Amino acid sequence: MGVHHVALATARMADTHRFYTEAMGFDLVKVVVNPTPEGGWAKHAFYRIDDGGSGRPGMIAFWDLHGDYPEVHGAMSGAVGLPDWVNHLAFDAVDEAHYDAALKRWLDLGLDVVEVDHEFCRSIYTTDPNGTMVEWCQDTRELDEDDAARAAAVIGDVEPDFDPPPAGFRAWEADPERRPEWSLPR
């Protein structure tokens, strides 16, 4: 069973749209505009996630709320006082070519990028205009019985032994000359 879509609020719909189409390469496939039960109105914008041909793609959606709502702080972690890396969106890079193309797209746009080799997968990270960390993750090996046994052993342990640190780390700082206006914090 897959995920149909994940929906998040945004205070910056135009910038969010540009990020998810230009930086992520997703297609806008549907926008629903309706009144809300509280007396306001909302746009619900759906983007099809590129699945690299691996099967039926899911979607990510964003709410653009209008009415008597609290100010939207779209950063899933920062809005609640957590580090950016805690709550984040991780998308599947189905192979090395897909991963490399995503990295190139982000670097060409002048976005800050961090790459981490997690041993079983490798990931690149940047931040969307809402302040939410976004990841492309490529599996580098199948998870096996040893991984499952370790998971079962530590899931309930209140003082588990630490795993080895990530095998590799690299960071690229944004080129301010290339950085699009929609990616800047507000």
N, C-alpha and C. Protein backbone atom coordinates (compact mmCIF):
# COMPACT_ATOMS: atom_id res chain seq x y z
N MET A 1 0.84 -1.16 0.00
CA MET A 1 0.00 0.00 0.00
C MET A 1 0.89 1.23 0.00
N GLY A 2 0.64 2.15 -0.89
CA GLY A 2 1.42 3.38 -0.98
C GLY A 2 0.71 4.55 -0.33
N VAL A 3 1.38 5.67 -0.31
CA VAL A 3 0.80 6.91 0.19
C VAL A 3 0.22 7.65 -1.01
N HIS A 4 -1.05 8.06 -0.91
CA HIS A 4 -1.67 8.82 -1.99
C HIS A 4 -1.08 10.22 -2.06
N HIS A 5 -1.12 10.95 -0.93
CA HIS A 5 -0.47 12.26 -0.87
C HIS A 5 -0.23 12.67 0.57
N VAL A 6 0.70 13.58 0.73
CA VAL A 6 0.97 14.25 2.00
C VAL A 6 0.58 15.70 1.77
N ALA A 7 -0.17 16.31 2.71
CA ALA A 7 -0.62 17.68 2.56
C ALA A 7 -0.04 18.55 3.68
N LEU A 8 0.47 19.72 3.29
CA LEU A 8 1.07 20.67 4.22
C LEU A 8 0.55 22.07 3.92
N ALA A 9 0.56 22.94 4.92
CA ALA A 9 0.17 24.33 4.73
C ALA A 9 1.36 25.14 4.26
N THR A 10 1.10 26.18 3.48
CA THR A 10 2.14 27.10 3.05
C THR A 10 1.61 28.53 3.15
N ALA A 11 2.48 29.44 3.53
CA ALA A 11 2.16 30.87 3.51
C ALA A 11 2.71 31.50 2.23
N ARG A 12 3.41 30.70 1.42
CA ARG A 12 4.10 31.21 0.23
C ARG A 12 3.77 30.33 -0.97
N MET A 13 2.52 30.32 -1.40
CA MET A 13 2.10 29.40 -2.46
C MET A 13 2.89 29.62 -3.75
N ALA A 14 3.09 30.87 -4.17
CA ALA A 14 3.81 31.10 -5.43
C ALA A 14 5.24 30.56 -5.35
N ASP A 15 5.93 30.83 -4.23
CA ASP A 15 7.31 30.34 -4.07
C ASP A 15 7.33 28.82 -3.92
N THR A 16 6.37 28.28 -3.18
CA THR A 16 6.27 26.82 -3.01
C THR A 16 6.06 26.16 -4.37
N HIS A 17 5.17 26.74 -5.19
CA HIS A 17 4.93 26.20 -6.54
C HIS A 17 6.22 26.20 -7.35
N ARG A 18 6.95 27.29 -7.34
CA ARG A 18 8.18 27.36 -8.12
C ARG A 18 9.20 26.34 -7.63
N PHE A 19 9.36 26.17 -6.30
CA PHE A 19 10.30 25.21 -5.76
C PHE A 19 9.94 23.79 -6.20
N TYR A 20 8.69 23.38 -6.01
CA TYR A 20 8.33 22.00 -6.28
C TYR A 20 8.26 21.68 -7.78
N THR A 21 8.10 22.69 -8.64
CA THR A 21 8.16 22.43 -10.08
C THR A 21 9.59 22.58 -10.60
N GLU A 22 10.30 23.64 -10.21
CA GLU A 22 11.64 23.89 -10.75
C GLU A 22 12.73 23.11 -10.03
N ALA A 23 12.74 23.11 -8.71
CA ALA A 23 13.83 22.46 -7.97
C ALA A 23 13.60 20.96 -7.81
N MET A 24 12.34 20.56 -7.70
CA MET A 24 12.05 19.14 -7.50
C MET A 24 11.65 18.44 -8.80
N GLY A 25 11.20 19.19 -9.78
CA GLY A 25 10.80 18.59 -11.06
C GLY A 25 9.43 17.94 -11.03
N PHE A 26 8.58 18.30 -10.06
CA PHE A 26 7.25 17.71 -9.95
C PHE A 26 6.27 18.47 -10.84
N ASP A 27 5.21 17.79 -11.25
CA ASP A 27 4.18 18.39 -12.09
C ASP A 27 2.98 18.78 -11.25
N LEU A 28 2.50 20.03 -11.42
CA LEU A 28 1.24 20.44 -10.83
C LEU A 28 0.14 19.75 -11.62
N VAL A 29 -0.70 18.96 -10.94
CA VAL A 29 -1.71 18.18 -11.64
C VAL A 29 -3.14 18.54 -11.27
N LYS A 30 -3.33 19.25 -10.15
CA LYS A 30 -4.70 19.58 -9.73
C LYS A 30 -4.65 20.68 -8.68
N VAL A 31 -5.58 21.63 -8.77
CA VAL A 31 -5.81 22.61 -7.72
C VAL A 31 -7.30 22.65 -7.47
N VAL A 32 -7.68 22.44 -6.22
CA VAL A 32 -9.08 22.51 -5.80
C VAL A 32 -9.24 23.80 -5.00
N VAL A 33 -10.23 24.64 -5.37
CA VAL A 33 -10.49 25.88 -4.66
C VAL A 33 -11.92 25.82 -4.13
N ASN A 34 -12.04 25.94 -2.80
CA ASN A 34 -13.36 25.83 -2.17
C ASN A 34 -13.42 26.67 -0.91
N PRO A 35 -14.65 26.99 -0.48
CA PRO A 35 -14.79 27.61 0.84
C PRO A 35 -14.42 26.59 1.91
N THR A 36 -14.01 27.10 3.08
CA THR A 36 -13.68 26.23 4.20
C THR A 36 -14.82 26.27 5.22
N PRO A 37 -14.95 25.24 6.05
CA PRO A 37 -16.04 25.21 7.03
C PRO A 37 -16.03 26.39 8.00
N GLU A 38 -14.85 27.02 8.19
CA GLU A 38 -14.73 28.12 9.14
C GLU A 38 -15.11 29.47 8.54
N GLY A 39 -15.48 29.50 7.26
CA GLY A 39 -15.91 30.73 6.63
C GLY A 39 -14.90 31.37 5.70
N GLY A 40 -13.71 30.81 5.59
CA GLY A 40 -12.71 31.32 4.66
C GLY A 40 -12.75 30.53 3.37
N TRP A 41 -11.62 30.48 2.70
CA TRP A 41 -11.50 29.67 1.50
C TRP A 41 -10.07 29.17 1.40
N ALA A 42 -9.84 28.19 0.54
CA ALA A 42 -8.52 27.59 0.41
C ALA A 42 -8.29 27.06 -0.99
N LYS A 43 -7.02 27.08 -1.38
CA LYS A 43 -6.55 26.35 -2.56
C LYS A 43 -5.84 25.11 -2.03
N HIS A 44 -6.08 23.98 -2.67
CA HIS A 44 -5.37 22.75 -2.33
C HIS A 44 -4.67 22.30 -3.61
N ALA A 45 -3.36 22.52 -3.69
CA ALA A 45 -2.58 22.26 -4.91
C ALA A 45 -1.86 20.92 -4.80
N PHE A 46 -2.03 20.07 -5.82
CA PHE A 46 -1.45 18.73 -5.84
C PHE A 46 -0.35 18.64 -6.89
N TYR A 47 0.79 18.08 -6.49
CA TYR A 47 1.93 17.87 -7.38
C TYR A 47 2.23 16.38 -7.45
N ARG A 48 2.34 15.86 -8.67
CA ARG A 48 2.70 14.45 -8.85
C ARG A 48 4.19 14.31 -8.66
N ILE A 49 4.56 13.35 -7.84
CA ILE A 49 5.96 13.08 -7.54
C ILE A 49 6.53 12.19 -8.63
N ASP A 50 7.67 12.59 -9.17
CA ASP A 50 8.35 11.78 -10.18
C ASP A 50 8.84 10.50 -9.53
N ASP A 51 8.34 9.39 -10.02
CA ASP A 51 8.72 8.10 -9.43
C ASP A 51 9.82 7.42 -10.22
N GLY A 52 10.36 8.07 -11.23
CA GLY A 52 11.44 7.48 -12.01
C GLY A 52 11.05 6.19 -12.72
N GLY A 53 9.75 5.99 -12.92
CA GLY A 53 9.27 4.79 -13.60
C GLY A 53 9.14 3.58 -12.71
N SER A 54 9.18 3.77 -11.38
CA SER A 54 9.16 2.62 -10.47
C SER A 54 7.75 2.12 -10.14
N GLY A 55 6.72 2.78 -10.60
CA GLY A 55 5.35 2.38 -10.28
C GLY A 55 4.45 3.59 -10.23
N ARG A 56 3.31 3.44 -9.60
CA ARG A 56 2.36 4.55 -9.51
C ARG A 56 2.90 5.63 -8.57
N PRO A 57 3.08 6.85 -9.08
CA PRO A 57 3.63 7.91 -8.22
C PRO A 57 2.58 8.43 -7.24
N GLY A 58 3.05 8.91 -6.12
CA GLY A 58 2.18 9.57 -5.17
C GLY A 58 2.19 11.07 -5.44
N MET A 59 1.64 11.82 -4.51
CA MET A 59 1.58 13.27 -4.66
C MET A 59 1.94 13.95 -3.35
N ILE A 60 2.32 15.21 -3.48
CA ILE A 60 2.44 16.10 -2.34
C ILE A 60 1.50 17.26 -2.64
N ALA A 61 0.83 17.75 -1.60
CA ALA A 61 -0.15 18.81 -1.78
C ALA A 61 0.11 19.92 -0.77
N PHE A 62 -0.29 21.13 -1.13
CA PHE A 62 -0.12 22.28 -0.26
C PHE A 62 -1.43 23.04 -0.13
N TRP A 63 -1.71 23.45 1.10
CA TRP A 63 -2.88 24.27 1.41
C TRP A 63 -2.48 25.74 1.42
N ASP A 64 -3.19 26.54 0.66
CA ASP A 64 -3.06 27.99 0.68
C ASP A 64 -4.35 28.50 1.32
N LEU A 65 -4.30 28.82 2.62
CA LEU A 65 -5.49 29.16 3.40
C LEU A 65 -5.76 30.66 3.39
N HIS A 66 -7.03 31.01 3.28
CA HIS A 66 -7.47 32.41 3.31
C HIS A 66 -8.65 32.51 4.25
N GLY A 67 -8.55 33.41 5.21
CA GLY A 67 -9.62 33.57 6.19
C GLY A 67 -9.05 33.81 7.56
N ASP A 68 -9.84 33.54 8.56
CA ASP A 68 -9.45 33.78 9.95
C ASP A 68 -8.69 32.57 10.49
N TYR A 69 -7.46 32.40 10.00
CA TYR A 69 -6.60 31.31 10.43
C TYR A 69 -5.34 31.89 11.08
N PRO A 70 -4.70 31.14 11.96
CA PRO A 70 -3.42 31.64 12.49
C PRO A 70 -2.40 31.75 11.35
N GLU A 71 -1.37 32.57 11.57
CA GLU A 71 -0.31 32.70 10.58
C GLU A 71 0.32 31.33 10.35
N VAL A 72 0.52 30.99 9.09
CA VAL A 72 1.11 29.70 8.74
C VAL A 72 2.63 29.79 8.85
N HIS A 73 3.20 28.90 9.62
CA HIS A 73 4.64 28.73 9.71
C HIS A 73 4.93 27.35 9.12
N GLY A 74 5.21 27.32 7.82
CA GLY A 74 5.29 26.06 7.10
C GLY A 74 6.48 25.17 7.43
N ALA A 75 7.48 25.70 8.11
CA ALA A 75 8.65 24.88 8.45
C ALA A 75 8.22 23.82 9.46
N MET A 76 8.15 22.57 9.00
CA MET A 76 7.60 21.50 9.85
C MET A 76 8.35 21.36 11.17
N SER A 77 9.64 21.57 11.19
CA SER A 77 10.41 21.45 12.43
C SER A 77 10.58 22.80 13.11
N GLY A 78 11.04 23.78 12.35
CA GLY A 78 11.33 25.09 12.92
C GLY A 78 10.12 25.73 13.58
N ALA A 79 8.93 25.49 13.04
CA ALA A 79 7.71 26.09 13.58
C ALA A 79 7.42 25.61 15.00
N VAL A 80 7.95 24.45 15.36
CA VAL A 80 7.72 23.92 16.71
C VAL A 80 9.01 23.87 17.54
N GLY A 81 10.06 24.56 17.07
CA GLY A 81 11.28 24.68 17.84
C GLY A 81 12.25 23.52 17.72
N LEU A 82 12.08 22.67 16.72
CA LEU A 82 12.99 21.53 16.51
C LEU A 82 14.01 21.86 15.44
N PRO A 83 15.16 21.17 15.43
CA PRO A 83 16.11 21.34 14.33
C PRO A 83 15.47 20.93 13.00
N ASP A 84 15.90 21.57 11.90
CA ASP A 84 15.32 21.32 10.58
C ASP A 84 15.31 19.85 10.17
N TRP A 85 16.33 19.08 10.59
CA TRP A 85 16.48 17.71 10.12
C TRP A 85 15.48 16.74 10.75
N VAL A 86 14.75 17.16 11.79
CA VAL A 86 13.86 16.22 12.47
C VAL A 86 12.67 15.86 11.58
N ASN A 87 11.78 16.79 11.32
CA ASN A 87 10.64 16.54 10.43
C ASN A 87 11.04 17.02 9.04
N HIS A 88 11.04 16.13 8.09
CA HIS A 88 11.44 16.49 6.73
C HIS A 88 10.73 15.60 5.73
N LEU A 89 10.83 15.96 4.46
CA LEU A 89 10.22 15.20 3.37
C LEU A 89 11.32 14.49 2.60
N ALA A 90 11.25 13.16 2.51
CA ALA A 90 12.27 12.38 1.80
C ALA A 90 11.62 11.71 0.59
N PHE A 91 12.14 12.02 -0.59
CA PHE A 91 11.63 11.46 -1.84
C PHE A 91 12.63 10.44 -2.38
N ASP A 92 12.12 9.43 -3.06
CA ASP A 92 12.92 8.32 -3.56
C ASP A 92 13.64 8.68 -4.85
N ALA A 93 14.96 8.65 -4.81
CA ALA A 93 15.78 8.74 -6.02
C ALA A 93 16.00 7.29 -6.45
N VAL A 94 15.35 6.87 -7.52
CA VAL A 94 15.26 5.45 -7.84
C VAL A 94 16.56 4.82 -8.32
N ASP A 95 17.49 5.65 -8.81
CA ASP A 95 18.78 5.11 -9.24
C ASP A 95 19.81 6.24 -9.24
N GLU A 96 21.04 5.89 -9.57
CA GLU A 96 22.13 6.86 -9.52
C GLU A 96 21.90 8.03 -10.48
N ALA A 97 21.37 7.76 -11.67
CA ALA A 97 21.13 8.83 -12.64
C ALA A 97 20.08 9.82 -12.10
N HIS A 98 19.03 9.30 -11.49
CA HIS A 98 17.98 10.15 -10.91
C HIS A 98 18.56 11.00 -9.79
N TYR A 99 19.34 10.40 -8.92
CA TYR A 99 20.00 11.09 -7.80
C TYR A 99 20.93 12.19 -8.32
N ASP A 100 21.78 11.84 -9.28
CA ASP A 100 22.73 12.81 -9.83
C ASP A 100 22.02 13.96 -10.52
N ALA A 101 20.92 13.68 -11.22
CA ALA A 101 20.15 14.74 -11.89
C ALA A 101 19.53 15.68 -10.86
N ALA A 102 19.04 15.13 -9.75
CA ALA A 102 18.45 15.97 -8.70
C ALA A 102 19.52 16.87 -8.08
N LEU A 103 20.70 16.31 -7.80
CA LEU A 103 21.80 17.10 -7.25
C LEU A 103 22.19 18.21 -8.21
N LYS A 104 22.33 17.89 -9.49
CA LYS A 104 22.69 18.89 -10.49
C LYS A 104 21.63 19.99 -10.56
N ARG A 105 20.36 19.63 -10.55
CA ARG A 105 19.28 20.61 -10.62
C ARG A 105 19.39 21.59 -9.45
N TRP A 106 19.59 21.06 -8.24
CA TRP A 106 19.69 21.94 -7.07
C TRP A 106 20.91 22.84 -7.14
N LEU A 107 22.05 22.28 -7.54
CA LEU A 107 23.27 23.08 -7.63
C LEU A 107 23.15 24.14 -8.72
N ASP A 108 22.54 23.79 -9.86
CA ASP A 108 22.33 24.74 -10.95
C ASP A 108 21.44 25.90 -10.51
N LEU A 109 20.52 25.63 -9.56
CA LEU A 109 19.65 26.68 -9.04
C LEU A 109 20.33 27.48 -7.92
N GLY A 110 21.54 27.09 -7.54
CA GLY A 110 22.25 27.81 -6.50
C GLY A 110 21.72 27.56 -5.11
N LEU A 111 21.12 26.38 -4.86
CA LEU A 111 20.59 26.06 -3.54
C LEU A 111 21.68 25.46 -2.66
N ASP A 112 21.58 25.69 -1.34
CA ASP A 112 22.46 25.01 -0.40
C ASP A 112 22.11 23.53 -0.42
N VAL A 113 23.11 22.66 -0.47
CA VAL A 113 22.88 21.23 -0.52
C VAL A 113 23.85 20.54 0.43
N VAL A 114 23.33 19.57 1.17
CA VAL A 114 24.15 18.71 2.03
C VAL A 114 23.95 17.27 1.55
N GLU A 115 25.04 16.51 1.45
CA GLU A 115 24.97 15.11 1.05
C GLU A 115 25.51 14.25 2.19
N VAL A 116 24.78 13.18 2.51
CA VAL A 116 25.18 12.28 3.58
C VAL A 116 25.10 10.84 3.08
N ASP A 117 26.18 10.07 3.32
CA ASP A 117 26.18 8.63 3.05
C ASP A 117 25.79 7.94 4.35
N HIS A 118 24.57 7.39 4.38
CA HIS A 118 24.05 6.75 5.59
C HIS A 118 24.39 5.26 5.69
N GLU A 119 25.19 4.74 4.78
CA GLU A 119 25.62 3.35 4.70
C GLU A 119 24.61 2.50 3.93
N PHE A 120 23.35 2.54 4.24
CA PHE A 120 22.34 1.76 3.50
C PHE A 120 21.66 2.60 2.42
N CYS A 121 21.85 3.93 2.49
CA CYS A 121 21.32 4.85 1.48
C CYS A 121 22.19 6.09 1.48
N ARG A 122 22.06 6.87 0.43
CA ARG A 122 22.73 8.17 0.39
C ARG A 122 21.68 9.23 0.10
N SER A 123 21.89 10.42 0.65
CA SER A 123 20.86 11.45 0.59
C SER A 123 21.46 12.81 0.30
N ILE A 124 20.67 13.62 -0.42
CA ILE A 124 20.96 15.04 -0.55
C ILE A 124 19.80 15.80 0.07
N TYR A 125 20.12 16.94 0.69
CA TYR A 125 19.13 17.73 1.40
C TYR A 125 19.23 19.19 1.01
N THR A 126 18.09 19.85 0.93
CA THR A 126 18.00 21.30 0.81
C THR A 126 16.75 21.71 1.57
N THR A 127 16.43 22.99 1.51
CA THR A 127 15.27 23.50 2.24
C THR A 127 14.32 24.18 1.27
N ASP A 128 13.02 23.90 1.41
CA ASP A 128 12.03 24.53 0.54
C ASP A 128 11.72 25.95 1.03
N PRO A 129 10.97 26.75 0.27
CA PRO A 129 10.71 28.13 0.67
C PRO A 129 9.97 28.27 2.00
N ASN A 130 9.34 27.20 2.47
CA ASN A 130 8.63 27.24 3.75
C ASN A 130 9.56 26.98 4.93
N GLY A 131 10.80 26.55 4.66
CA GLY A 131 11.73 26.21 5.72
C GLY A 131 11.72 24.74 6.08
N THR A 132 11.07 23.92 5.27
CA THR A 132 11.04 22.48 5.50
C THR A 132 12.18 21.82 4.75
N MET A 133 12.92 20.96 5.44
CA MET A 133 13.99 20.22 4.80
C MET A 133 13.40 19.20 3.83
N VAL A 134 14.00 19.14 2.64
CA VAL A 134 13.58 18.22 1.59
C VAL A 134 14.78 17.36 1.21
N GLU A 135 14.52 16.09 0.96
CA GLU A 135 15.59 15.11 0.72
C GLU A 135 15.28 14.27 -0.52
N TRP A 136 16.33 14.00 -1.30
CA TRP A 136 16.30 12.91 -2.28
C TRP A 136 17.16 11.81 -1.69
N CYS A 137 16.62 10.59 -1.61
CA CYS A 137 17.31 9.47 -0.98
C CYS A 137 17.40 8.31 -1.97
N GLN A 138 18.60 7.77 -2.14
CA GLN A 138 18.81 6.61 -3.01
C GLN A 138 19.31 5.45 -2.16
N ASP A 139 18.57 4.35 -2.19
CA ASP A 139 19.03 3.15 -1.48
C ASP A 139 20.31 2.64 -2.15
N THR A 140 21.27 2.23 -1.32
CA THR A 140 22.53 1.70 -1.84
C THR A 140 22.68 0.21 -1.58
N ARG A 141 21.78 -0.32 -0.76
CA ARG A 141 21.75 -1.76 -0.54
C ARG A 141 20.37 -2.12 0.02
N GLU A 142 20.04 -3.39 -0.11
CA GLU A 142 18.79 -3.90 0.46
C GLU A 142 18.93 -4.00 1.97
N LEU A 143 17.88 -3.66 2.69
CA LEU A 143 17.87 -3.92 4.14
C LEU A 143 17.70 -5.42 4.32
N ASP A 144 18.39 -5.98 5.32
CA ASP A 144 18.40 -7.44 5.48
C ASP A 144 17.97 -7.86 6.88
N GLU A 145 18.12 -9.14 7.17
CA GLU A 145 17.73 -9.68 8.48
C GLU A 145 18.53 -9.07 9.61
N ASP A 146 19.81 -8.75 9.38
CA ASP A 146 20.62 -8.10 10.41
C ASP A 146 20.06 -6.72 10.77
N ASP A 147 19.61 -5.98 9.75
CA ASP A 147 19.00 -4.66 9.99
C ASP A 147 17.72 -4.81 10.81
N ALA A 148 16.90 -5.79 10.45
CA ALA A 148 15.64 -6.02 11.17
C ALA A 148 15.91 -6.46 12.62
N ALA A 149 16.93 -7.31 12.81
CA ALA A 149 17.26 -7.77 14.16
C ALA A 149 17.76 -6.60 15.01
N ARG A 150 18.59 -5.74 14.44
CA ARG A 150 19.07 -4.55 15.17
C ARG A 150 17.89 -3.65 15.52
N ALA A 151 16.98 -3.44 14.57
CA ALA A 151 15.80 -2.60 14.82
C ALA A 151 14.97 -3.16 15.97
N ALA A 152 14.72 -4.46 15.95
CA ALA A 152 13.93 -5.10 17.02
C ALA A 152 14.62 -4.99 18.37
N ALA A 153 15.96 -5.05 18.37
CA ALA A 153 16.72 -5.01 19.62
C ALA A 153 16.73 -3.62 20.25
N VAL A 154 16.69 -2.56 19.44
CA VAL A 154 16.83 -1.21 19.99
C VAL A 154 15.52 -0.42 20.07
N ILE A 155 14.46 -0.89 19.43
CA ILE A 155 13.23 -0.09 19.37
C ILE A 155 12.70 0.25 20.76
N GLY A 156 12.78 -0.64 21.70
CA GLY A 156 12.28 -0.37 23.04
C GLY A 156 13.36 -0.08 24.06
N ASP A 157 14.62 -0.07 23.64
CA ASP A 157 15.75 0.14 24.55
C ASP A 157 15.87 1.63 24.88
N VAL A 158 15.86 1.96 26.16
CA VAL A 158 15.96 3.37 26.56
C VAL A 158 17.40 3.88 26.59
N GLU A 159 18.38 2.98 26.51
CA GLU A 159 19.78 3.37 26.44
C GLU A 159 20.51 2.49 25.42
N PRO A 160 20.16 2.62 24.12
CA PRO A 160 20.75 1.74 23.11
C PRO A 160 22.20 2.13 22.79
N ASP A 161 22.94 1.17 22.28
CA ASP A 161 24.28 1.45 21.75
C ASP A 161 24.11 2.26 20.46
N PHE A 162 25.03 3.20 20.23
CA PHE A 162 24.95 4.03 19.04
C PHE A 162 25.42 3.25 17.81
N ASP A 163 24.85 3.58 16.68
CA ASP A 163 25.31 3.07 15.39
C ASP A 163 26.55 3.86 14.98
N PRO A 164 27.34 3.35 14.04
CA PRO A 164 28.48 4.14 13.54
C PRO A 164 27.97 5.44 12.91
N PRO A 165 28.77 6.50 12.94
CA PRO A 165 28.36 7.75 12.31
C PRO A 165 28.26 7.57 10.79
N PRO A 166 27.61 8.53 10.10
CA PRO A 166 27.51 8.43 8.64
C PRO A 166 28.88 8.23 8.00
N ALA A 167 28.88 7.47 6.91
CA ALA A 167 30.14 7.13 6.23
C ALA A 167 30.74 8.31 5.47
N GLY A 168 29.92 9.29 5.13
CA GLY A 168 30.44 10.43 4.37
C GLY A 168 29.51 11.63 4.49
N PHE A 169 30.08 12.82 4.32
CA PHE A 169 29.34 14.07 4.42
C PHE A 169 29.98 15.08 3.49
N ARG A 170 29.14 15.85 2.78
CA ARG A 170 29.63 16.90 1.90
C ARG A 170 28.59 18.01 1.87
N ALA A 171 29.04 19.26 1.78
CA ALA A 171 28.12 20.39 1.72
C ALA A 171 28.51 21.34 0.60
N TRP A 172 27.50 21.88 -0.08
CA TRP A 172 27.69 22.91 -1.10
C TRP A 172 26.92 24.14 -0.64
N GLU A 173 27.59 25.29 -0.53
CA GLU A 173 26.91 26.53 -0.20
C GLU A 173 26.32 27.12 -1.47
N ALA A 174 25.18 27.78 -1.31
CA ALA A 174 24.49 28.38 -2.44
C ALA A 174 25.36 29.44 -3.11
N ASP A 175 25.27 29.49 -4.42
CA ASP A 175 25.88 30.57 -5.18
C ASP A 175 24.86 31.71 -5.22
N PRO A 176 25.10 32.81 -4.51
CA PRO A 176 24.11 33.88 -4.44
C PRO A 176 23.72 34.45 -5.81
N GLU A 177 24.63 34.33 -6.78
CA GLU A 177 24.34 34.84 -8.13
C GLU A 177 23.32 33.96 -8.87
N ARG A 178 23.22 32.70 -8.49
CA ARG A 178 22.33 31.76 -9.19
C ARG A 178 21.02 31.54 -8.46
N ARG A 179 20.98 31.93 -7.22
CA ARG A 179 19.85 31.61 -6.36
C ARG A 179 18.59 32.34 -6.80
N PRO A 180 17.50 31.62 -7.06
CA PRO A 180 16.26 32.28 -7.48
C PRO A 180 15.59 33.02 -6.32
N GLU A 181 14.88 34.08 -6.65
CA GLU A 181 14.18 34.91 -5.67
C GLU A 181 13.24 34.08 -4.81
N TRP A 182 12.56 33.09 -5.41
CA TRP A 182 11.57 32.30 -4.66
C TRP A 182 12.19 31.42 -3.59
N SER A 183 13.51 31.22 -3.63
CA SER A 183 14.15 30.34 -2.65
C SER A 183 14.66 31.09 -1.42
N LEU A 184 14.61 32.41 -1.44
CA LEU A 184 15.14 33.21 -0.34
C LEU A 184 14.18 33.21 0.85
N PRO A 185 14.73 33.18 2.08
CA PRO A 185 13.87 33.25 3.27
C PRO A 185 13.17 34.61 3.35
N ARG A 186 11.98 34.61 3.95
CA ARG A 186 11.24 35.87 4.13
C ARG A 186 10.88 36.06 5.55
